[in-house]
Amino acid sequence: MNRPCEQCWVPMENPTPNRKYCEDCNPKSGGWGFRWTELIRKYGVDRRMYEAMYFDQDGTCLICEKREARVVDHCHETGKVRGLLCVSCNFNLGWLESGNILNQATAYLSEGVPRD
């Protein structure tokens, strides 16, 4: 019985009972299987979507435009995917988005008071 992929709805040939996604959306080869499953589950981003974003960005981070973009960035309020970032920019952006840190950091920098 052919069951459709839960991501792209293309019928899967000879699916195993636990397999939810087709080989195109969630390839098992190369050790990335778990990563693709998590990206689909969390953000709805499969391998093809990830590769399209990577290609559109020329493989570079949308913030620093220097390092390789490897992390899916998303809005924590809406869940909407914004693009791919490098690990460093994604970490810093997450830190800045939490609480009032950005306003506090801006105030700190504008004071210009050197510390001994």
C-alpha atoms as a PDB file:
ATOM      1  CA  MET A   1       0.000   0.000   0.000  1.00  0.00           C
ATOM      2  CA  ASN A   2       1.383   3.396  -1.001  1.00  0.00           C
ATOM      3  CA  ARG A   3       0.982   6.046   1.673  1.00  0.00           C
ATOM      4  CA  PRO A   4       1.595   9.761   0.944  1.00  0.00           C
ATOM      5  CA  CYS A   5       4.496  11.698   2.436  1.00  0.00           C
ATOM      6  CA  GLU A   6       3.184  13.923   5.239  1.00  0.00           C
ATOM      7  CA  GLN A   7       5.280  16.836   3.923  1.00  0.00           C
ATOM      8  CA  CYS A   8       4.833  16.863   0.123  1.00  0.00           C
ATOM      9  CA  TRP A   9       1.941  14.343  -0.212  1.00  0.00           C
ATOM     10  CA  VAL A  10       3.689  12.354  -2.949  1.00  0.00           C
ATOM     11  CA  PRO A  11       2.900   8.621  -2.570  1.00  0.00           C
ATOM     12  CA  MET A  12       5.816   6.746  -1.018  1.00  0.00           C
ATOM     13  CA  GLU A  13       6.775   3.395  -2.501  1.00  0.00           C
ATOM     14  CA  ASN A  14       6.904   0.587   0.052  1.00  0.00           C
ATOM     15  CA  PRO A  15       6.790   2.824   3.142  1.00  0.00           C
ATOM     16  CA  THR A  16       7.784   1.385   6.492  1.00  0.00           C
ATOM     17  CA  PRO A  17       5.161   1.678   9.245  1.00  0.00           C
ATOM     18  CA  ASN A  18       7.034   4.454  11.084  1.00  0.00           C
ATOM     19  CA  ARG A  19       8.204   6.488   8.078  1.00  0.00           C
ATOM     20  CA  LYS A  20       6.212   9.727   7.694  1.00  0.00           C
ATOM     21  CA  TYR A  21       8.279  11.501   5.029  1.00  0.00           C
ATOM     22  CA  CYS A  22       9.577  10.499   1.596  1.00  0.00           C
ATOM     23  CA  GLU A  23      13.256  10.190   0.737  1.00  0.00           C
ATOM     24  CA  ASP A  24      13.222  13.579  -1.064  1.00  0.00           C
ATOM     25  CA  CYS A  25      11.894  15.470   1.967  1.00  0.00           C
ATOM     26  CA  ASN A  26      13.784  13.505   4.601  1.00  0.00           C
ATOM     27  CA  PRO A  27      16.761  11.606   3.164  1.00  0.00           C
ATOM     28  CA  LYS A  28      18.233   8.925   5.401  1.00  0.00           C
ATOM     29  CA  SER A  29      21.634   8.880   3.721  1.00  0.00           C
ATOM     30  CA  GLY A  30      24.520  10.996   4.951  1.00  0.00           C
ATOM     31  CA  GLY A  31      23.529  10.994   8.615  1.00  0.00           C
ATOM     32  CA  TRP A  32      21.179  13.965   8.214  1.00  0.00           C
ATOM     33  CA  GLY A  33      17.922  12.009   8.656  1.00  0.00           C
ATOM     34  CA  PHE A  34      17.239  13.202  12.189  1.00  0.00           C
ATOM     35  CA  ARG A  35      18.025  16.801  11.290  1.00  0.00           C
ATOM     36  CA  TRP A  36      15.558  16.862   8.406  1.00  0.00           C
ATOM     37  CA  THR A  37      12.863  15.271  10.554  1.00  0.00           C
ATOM     38  CA  GLU A  38      13.345  17.981  13.182  1.00  0.00           C
ATOM     39  CA  LEU A  39      13.326  20.793  10.601  1.00  0.00           C
ATOM     40  CA  ILE A  40      10.104  19.467   9.093  1.00  0.00           C
ATOM     41  CA  ARG A  41       8.481  18.999  12.491  1.00  0.00           C
ATOM     42  CA  LYS A  42       9.521  22.374  13.941  1.00  0.00           C
ATOM     43  CA  TYR A  43       9.411  24.690  10.926  1.00  0.00           C
ATOM     44  CA  GLY A  44       7.874  22.798   7.997  1.00  0.00           C
ATOM     45  CA  VAL A  45      11.222  23.032   6.178  1.00  0.00           C
ATOM     46  CA  ASP A  46      12.306  19.937   4.272  1.00  0.00           C
ATOM     47  CA  ARG A  47      15.562  19.276   2.427  1.00  0.00           C
ATOM     48  CA  ARG A  48      14.386  20.904  -0.821  1.00  0.00           C
ATOM     49  CA  MET A  49      13.166  24.056   0.949  1.00  0.00           C
ATOM     50  CA  TYR A  50      16.417  24.318   2.910  1.00  0.00           C
ATOM     51  CA  GLU A  51      18.501  23.915  -0.246  1.00  0.00           C
ATOM     52  CA  ALA A  52      16.391  26.549  -2.060  1.00  0.00           C
ATOM     53  CA  MET A  53      16.928  29.065   0.767  1.00  0.00           C
ATOM     54  CA  TYR A  54      20.638  28.233   0.841  1.00  0.00           C
ATOM     55  CA  PHE A  55      20.904  28.771  -2.931  1.00  0.00           C
ATOM     56  CA  ASP A  56      18.904  32.045  -2.814  1.00  0.00           C
ATOM     57  CA  GLN A  57      21.255  33.360  -0.121  1.00  0.00           C
ATOM     58  CA  ASP A  58      24.401  32.161  -1.914  1.00  0.00           C
ATOM     59  CA  GLY A  59      25.078  30.062   1.175  1.00  0.00           C
ATOM     60  CA  THR A  60      25.811  33.102   3.334  1.00  0.00           C
ATOM     61  CA  CYS A  61      24.218  34.378   6.538  1.00  0.00           C
ATOM     62  CA  LEU A  62      21.486  36.999   6.054  1.00  0.00           C
ATOM     63  CA  ILE A  63      22.880  39.119   8.902  1.00  0.00           C
ATOM     64  CA  CYS A  64      26.694  39.150   8.682  1.00  0.00           C
ATOM     65  CA  GLU A  65      26.858  38.084   5.015  1.00  0.00           C
ATOM     66  CA  LYS A  66      30.262  36.479   5.740  1.00  0.00           C
ATOM     67  CA  ARG A  67      29.834  33.056   7.292  1.00  0.00           C
ATOM     68  CA  GLU A  68      28.025  30.006   5.966  1.00  0.00           C
ATOM     69  CA  ALA A  69      24.275  29.962   6.629  1.00  0.00           C
ATOM     70  CA  ARG A  70      23.419  26.648   8.308  1.00  0.00           C
ATOM     71  CA  VAL A  71      20.677  27.455  10.834  1.00  0.00           C
ATOM     72  CA  VAL A  72      16.968  27.988  10.111  1.00  0.00           C
ATOM     73  CA  ASP A  73      15.933  31.279  11.732  1.00  0.00           C
ATOM     74  CA  HIS A  74      12.309  31.819  12.712  1.00  0.00           C
ATOM     75  CA  CYS A  75      10.138  34.299  14.586  1.00  0.00           C
ATOM     76  CA  HIS A  76       9.409  32.961  18.058  1.00  0.00           C
ATOM     77  CA  GLU A  77       6.020  34.708  18.169  1.00  0.00           C
ATOM     78  CA  THR A  78       4.610  33.612  14.801  1.00  0.00           C
ATOM     79  CA  GLY A  79       6.803  30.601  14.008  1.00  0.00           C
ATOM     80  CA  LYS A  80       7.390  32.038  10.512  1.00  0.00           C
ATOM     81  CA  VAL A  81      10.730  31.094   8.954  1.00  0.00           C
ATOM     82  CA  ARG A  82      12.805  34.171   8.089  1.00  0.00           C
ATOM     83  CA  GLY A  83      15.794  32.537   6.410  1.00  0.00           C
ATOM     84  CA  LEU A  84      19.163  30.946   7.145  1.00  0.00           C
ATOM     85  CA  LEU A  85      21.779  32.362   9.488  1.00  0.00           C
ATOM     86  CA  CYS A  86      25.246  31.362  10.613  1.00  0.00           C
ATOM     87  CA  VAL A  87      25.454  29.754  14.039  1.00  0.00           C
ATOM     88  CA  SER A  88      26.941  32.879  15.632  1.00  0.00           C
ATOM     89  CA  CYS A  89      24.345  35.343  14.311  1.00  0.00           C
ATOM     90  CA  ASN A  90      21.501  32.982  15.195  1.00  0.00           C
ATOM     91  CA  PHE A  91      22.790  32.677  18.762  1.00  0.00           C
ATOM     92  CA  ASN A  92      23.193  36.439  19.134  1.00  0.00           C
ATOM     93  CA  LEU A  93      19.805  37.174  17.582  1.00  0.00           C
ATOM     94  CA  GLY A  94      18.132  34.769  19.989  1.00  0.00           C
ATOM     95  CA  TRP A  95      19.874  36.485  22.886  1.00  0.00           C
ATOM     96  CA  LEU A  96      18.782  39.922  21.670  1.00  0.00           C
ATOM     97  CA  GLU A  97      15.189  38.813  21.161  1.00  0.00           C
ATOM     98  CA  SER A  98      14.842  37.655  24.744  1.00  0.00           C
ATOM     99  CA  GLY A  99      13.448  40.246  27.117  1.00  0.00           C
ATOM    100  CA  ASN A 100      14.631  43.818  27.171  1.00  0.00           C
ATOM    101  CA  ILE A 101      18.301  43.003  26.490  1.00  0.00           C
ATOM    102  CA  LEU A 102      18.492  45.034  23.251  1.00  0.00           C
ATOM    103  CA  ASN A 103      17.253  48.217  24.945  1.00  0.00           C
ATOM    104  CA  GLN A 104      19.586  47.679  27.889  1.00  0.00           C
ATOM    105  CA  ALA A 105      22.582  47.047  25.615  1.00  0.00           C
ATOM    106  CA  THR A 106      21.781  50.149  23.532  1.00  0.00           C
ATOM    107  CA  ALA A 107      21.516  52.283  26.682  1.00  0.00           C
ATOM    108  CA  TYR A 108      24.795  50.858  27.968  1.00  0.00           C
ATOM    109  CA  LEU A 109      26.625  51.632  24.713  1.00  0.00           C
ATOM    110  CA  SER A 110      25.166  55.145  24.449  1.00  0.00           C
ATOM    111  CA  GLU A 111      26.452  56.015  27.940  1.00  0.00           C
ATOM    112  CA  GLY A 112      30.009  55.590  26.703  1.00  0.00           C
ATOM    113  CA  VAL A 113      31.345  55.189  30.227  1.00  0.00           C
ATOM    114  CA  PRO A 114      34.638  53.271  30.220  1.00  0.00           C
ATOM    115  CA  ARG A 115      35.013  50.629  32.893  1.00  0.00           C
ATOM    116  CA  ASP A 116      38.238  50.116  34.756  1.00  0.00           C
END
